[in-house]
Amino acid sequence: MRKPIDIFLGCLVTSIGVILLKHANIVTGGTAGLSLSVAYLFNLPFAVIFFLVNIPFYIFSVFRMGWKFTLNTVVSVSILTLLTEMDQWLPHFSLPIWIGSILGGFMIGIGLTILFMNGASLGGANILALYLQKRFQFNPGKVNFLFDAVVVLSSIYAVGLVRGLCSILSIAVTAKVISYFKNDIANKSKTAKRNGIFSIKTAKSEAVG
């Protein structure tokens, strides 16, 4: 029961970060940033775009990370989509871009860390970051930053140079938070793997007995 609660908490914290960025009129990286850019350009709902953009990454996830991880990711993306949609019922407010970028980036970093520790992600570069960490021990924060930077640089047209720079600051904060917890993420992943192997061995022993 603890894991679903943690995944929901991770989505909730991340959604707060996304909403803060949205009200500061800046973007973030990954599929969330790409979706925000499209939402700004075409005045479309973020939630719908975010869900659709992630579909191709689910296919990669099934083959490289397994059904369980993919299912957790789909659930996480769906929850985040619903939570960010709640923004339309919030009172209108705006944030200074510097405050929005730092606070939003920090909240997204904490939210993603919680999800990573529970074998879930928010699709896109998150999936690739966890795959590269699992396969080659790459730092997930740095991988995320690299791909997020590409998304943010391509979105400068939608938000302008100054807001684009603030967006880069935001993803740098997110990457720093994830990198700070990278060992915890790796240890949690190893523990889950060991527990899975132990459960299989226990099941086999009970079957034999």
Protein backbone atom coordinates (compact mmCIF):
# COMPACT_ATOMS: atom_id res chain seq x y z
CA MET A 1 0.00 0.00 0.00
CA ARG A 2 2.94 2.31 0.65
CA LYS A 3 4.16 2.33 -2.96
CA PRO A 4 0.92 3.63 -4.58
CA ILE A 5 0.79 6.40 -1.97
CA ASP A 6 4.40 7.36 -2.70
CA ILE A 7 3.74 7.39 -6.46
CA PHE A 8 0.70 9.63 -5.94
CA LEU A 9 2.78 11.91 -3.69
CA GLY A 10 5.51 12.12 -6.35
CA CYS A 11 2.91 13.07 -8.98
CA LEU A 12 1.33 15.63 -6.66
CA VAL A 13 4.66 17.34 -5.90
CA THR A 14 5.61 17.30 -9.59
CA SER A 15 2.24 18.73 -10.62
CA ILE A 16 2.73 21.64 -8.18
CA GLY A 17 6.09 22.32 -9.85
CA VAL A 18 4.56 22.22 -13.35
CA ILE A 19 1.75 24.58 -12.29
CA LEU A 20 4.28 27.01 -10.78
CA LEU A 21 6.24 27.02 -14.05
CA LYS A 22 3.05 27.53 -16.02
CA HIS A 23 2.05 30.55 -13.92
CA ALA A 24 5.55 31.98 -14.34
CA ASN A 25 5.08 31.42 -18.10
CA ILE A 26 8.25 29.35 -18.45
CA VAL A 27 8.83 25.78 -19.55
CA THR A 28 10.64 22.75 -18.24
CA GLY A 29 12.38 19.90 -20.02
CA GLY A 30 11.28 16.48 -21.21
CA THR A 31 7.81 15.71 -22.48
CA ALA A 32 6.33 18.08 -19.87
CA GLY A 33 8.35 20.98 -21.30
CA LEU A 34 7.52 20.02 -24.87
CA SER A 35 3.84 19.85 -23.95
CA LEU A 36 3.96 23.25 -22.24
CA SER A 37 5.56 24.79 -25.33
CA VAL A 38 2.86 23.36 -27.60
CA ALA A 39 0.21 24.54 -25.13
CA TYR A 40 1.63 28.09 -25.24
CA LEU A 41 1.91 28.16 -29.03
CA PHE A 42 -1.49 26.71 -29.94
CA ASN A 43 -3.48 27.50 -26.79
CA LEU A 44 -4.26 23.83 -26.22
CA PRO A 45 -4.78 22.05 -22.87
CA PHE A 46 -1.48 20.89 -21.37
CA ALA A 47 -2.96 17.71 -19.87
CA VAL A 48 -4.13 16.25 -23.20
CA ILE A 49 -0.89 17.10 -25.05
CA PHE A 50 1.25 15.71 -22.24
CA PHE A 51 -0.58 12.38 -22.30
CA LEU A 52 -0.40 12.02 -26.10
CA VAL A 53 3.29 12.99 -26.41
CA ASN A 54 4.27 10.22 -24.00
CA ILE A 55 2.70 7.38 -25.99
CA PRO A 56 5.81 6.63 -28.17
CA PHE A 57 7.99 6.44 -25.06
CA TYR A 58 5.72 3.79 -23.55
CA ILE A 59 6.62 1.49 -26.43
CA PHE A 60 10.34 1.91 -25.72
CA SER A 61 9.69 1.36 -22.02
CA VAL A 62 7.89 -1.95 -22.57
CA PHE A 63 10.86 -3.42 -24.45
CA ARG A 64 13.66 -1.93 -22.33
CA MET A 65 12.25 -1.53 -18.81
CA GLY A 66 9.49 -4.14 -18.64
CA TRP A 67 5.72 -4.11 -18.21
CA LYS A 68 5.74 -3.33 -14.49
CA PHE A 69 7.81 -0.16 -14.87
CA THR A 70 5.78 0.88 -17.93
CA LEU A 71 2.50 0.36 -16.08
CA ASN A 72 3.76 2.45 -13.15
CA THR A 73 4.83 5.14 -15.61
CA VAL A 74 1.47 5.16 -17.43
CA VAL A 75 -0.32 5.45 -14.09
CA SER A 76 2.02 8.26 -12.99
CA VAL A 77 1.55 10.20 -16.24
CA SER A 78 -2.22 9.75 -15.98
CA ILE A 79 -2.27 10.99 -12.38
CA LEU A 80 -0.07 13.97 -13.23
CA THR A 81 -2.32 14.76 -16.20
CA LEU A 82 -5.38 14.83 -13.94
CA LEU A 83 -3.64 16.83 -11.20
CA THR A 84 -2.34 19.52 -13.56
CA GLU A 85 -5.82 19.76 -15.07
CA MET A 86 -7.03 20.93 -11.64
CA ASP A 87 -5.14 24.18 -12.29
CA GLN A 88 -8.14 25.55 -14.14
CA TRP A 89 -10.07 25.67 -10.86
CA LEU A 90 -7.33 27.54 -8.99
CA PRO A 91 -7.52 31.34 -8.57
CA HIS A 92 -5.56 33.18 -11.23
CA PHE A 93 -2.08 34.19 -10.11
CA SER A 94 1.30 34.94 -11.63
CA LEU A 95 4.84 34.44 -10.35
CA PRO A 96 8.08 36.32 -11.02
CA ILE A 97 10.02 34.22 -13.52
CA TRP A 98 13.07 33.78 -11.26
CA ILE A 99 11.01 32.55 -8.32
CA GLY A 100 8.89 30.36 -10.57
CA SER A 101 11.92 28.76 -12.23
CA ILE A 102 13.74 27.93 -8.98
CA LEU A 103 10.72 26.84 -6.95
CA GLY A 104 9.11 24.97 -9.85
CA GLY A 105 12.36 23.21 -10.74
CA PHE A 106 12.91 22.22 -7.11
CA MET A 107 9.41 20.76 -6.73
CA ILE A 108 9.72 18.81 -10.00
CA GLY A 109 13.10 17.46 -8.89
CA ILE A 110 11.67 16.23 -5.57
CA GLY A 111 8.62 14.74 -7.28
CA LEU A 112 10.68 12.88 -9.90
CA THR A 113 13.04 11.57 -7.22
CA ILE A 114 10.09 10.09 -5.30
CA LEU A 115 8.83 8.45 -8.51
CA PHE A 116 12.28 7.10 -9.47
CA MET A 117 12.65 5.57 -6.01
CA ASN A 118 9.36 3.74 -6.51
CA GLY A 119 10.10 2.27 -9.93
CA ALA A 120 8.10 4.85 -11.90
CA SER A 121 8.75 7.86 -14.11
CA LEU A 122 6.90 10.50 -16.11
CA GLY A 123 7.84 9.14 -19.50
CA GLY A 124 10.12 10.70 -22.10
CA ALA A 125 13.69 11.37 -20.99
CA ASN A 126 12.86 9.98 -17.53
CA ILE A 127 12.58 6.50 -19.02
CA LEU A 128 15.86 6.90 -20.90
CA ALA A 129 17.62 8.30 -17.81
CA LEU A 130 16.60 5.34 -15.66
CA TYR A 131 17.45 2.87 -18.43
CA LEU A 132 20.96 4.34 -18.83
CA GLN A 133 21.46 4.32 -15.07
CA LYS A 134 20.34 0.72 -14.84
CA ARG A 135 22.42 -0.43 -17.82
CA PHE A 136 25.52 1.82 -17.66
CA GLN A 137 25.31 3.51 -14.23
CA PHE A 138 24.87 6.96 -15.81
CA ASN A 139 23.87 9.83 -13.51
CA PRO A 140 20.08 10.22 -14.08
CA GLY A 141 20.19 13.92 -13.16
CA LYS A 142 22.79 14.69 -15.83
CA VAL A 143 21.01 12.63 -18.47
CA ASN A 144 17.77 14.43 -17.72
CA PHE A 145 19.49 17.80 -17.87
CA LEU A 146 21.03 17.04 -21.26
CA PHE A 147 17.75 16.08 -22.91
CA ASP A 148 15.79 18.76 -21.07
CA ALA A 149 18.22 21.43 -22.25
CA VAL A 150 17.54 20.46 -25.88
CA VAL A 151 13.79 20.76 -25.30
CA VAL A 152 14.13 24.11 -23.53
CA LEU A 153 16.43 25.59 -26.18
CA SER A 154 13.96 24.58 -28.87
CA SER A 155 11.14 26.23 -26.91
CA ILE A 156 12.77 29.67 -26.70
CA TYR A 157 10.70 30.68 -29.74
CA ALA A 158 7.54 30.09 -27.72
CA VAL A 159 8.59 31.85 -24.49
CA GLY A 160 11.37 34.29 -25.48
CA LEU A 161 15.07 34.48 -24.61
CA VAL A 162 14.81 35.65 -20.98
CA ARG A 163 12.15 33.11 -20.09
CA GLY A 164 14.12 30.49 -22.00
CA LEU A 165 17.16 31.19 -19.80
CA CYS A 166 14.96 30.93 -16.71
CA SER A 167 13.69 27.62 -18.05
CA ILE A 168 17.29 26.39 -18.28
CA LEU A 169 17.78 27.49 -14.66
CA SER A 170 14.67 25.50 -13.75
CA ILE A 171 15.92 22.25 -15.31
CA ALA A 172 19.36 22.81 -13.75
CA VAL A 173 17.68 22.95 -10.33
CA THR A 174 15.67 19.80 -11.16
CA ALA A 175 18.82 17.97 -12.31
CA LYS A 176 20.72 19.05 -9.18
CA VAL A 177 17.98 17.67 -6.92
CA ILE A 178 17.84 14.33 -8.80
CA SER A 179 21.65 14.07 -8.81
CA TYR A 180 21.72 14.69 -5.06
CA PHE A 181 19.52 11.62 -4.55
CA LYS A 182 21.10 9.47 -7.31
CA ASN A 183 22.65 7.00 -4.84
CA ASP A 184 19.34 6.61 -3.02
CA ILE A 185 17.60 5.98 -6.35
CA ALA A 186 20.19 3.36 -7.33
CA ASN A 187 20.06 1.65 -3.92
CA LYS A 188 16.27 1.58 -3.95
CA SER A 189 16.33 0.03 -7.41
CA LYS A 190 18.83 -2.66 -6.32
CA THR A 191 16.80 -3.43 -3.21
CA ALA A 192 13.63 -3.83 -5.27
CA LYS A 193 15.48 -6.15 -7.66
CA ARG A 194 16.86 -8.27 -4.80
CA ASN A 195 13.43 -8.48 -3.20
CA GLY A 196 11.99 -9.61 -6.53
CA ILE A 197 14.60 -12.36 -6.86
CA PHE A 198 14.03 -13.39 -3.23
CA SER A 199 10.27 -13.56 -3.79
CA ILE A 200 10.75 -15.78 -6.86
CA LYS A 201 13.10 -18.12 -4.96
CA THR A 202 10.72 -18.27 -2.00
CA ALA A 203 7.79 -19.07 -4.29
CA LYS A 204 9.79 -21.85 -5.95
CA SER A 205 10.82 -23.32 -2.59
CA GLU A 206 7.22 -23.30 -1.36
CA ALA A 207 6.10 -24.94 -4.61
CA VAL A 208 8.70 -27.67 -4.22
CA GLY A 209 7.84 -28.13 -0.55
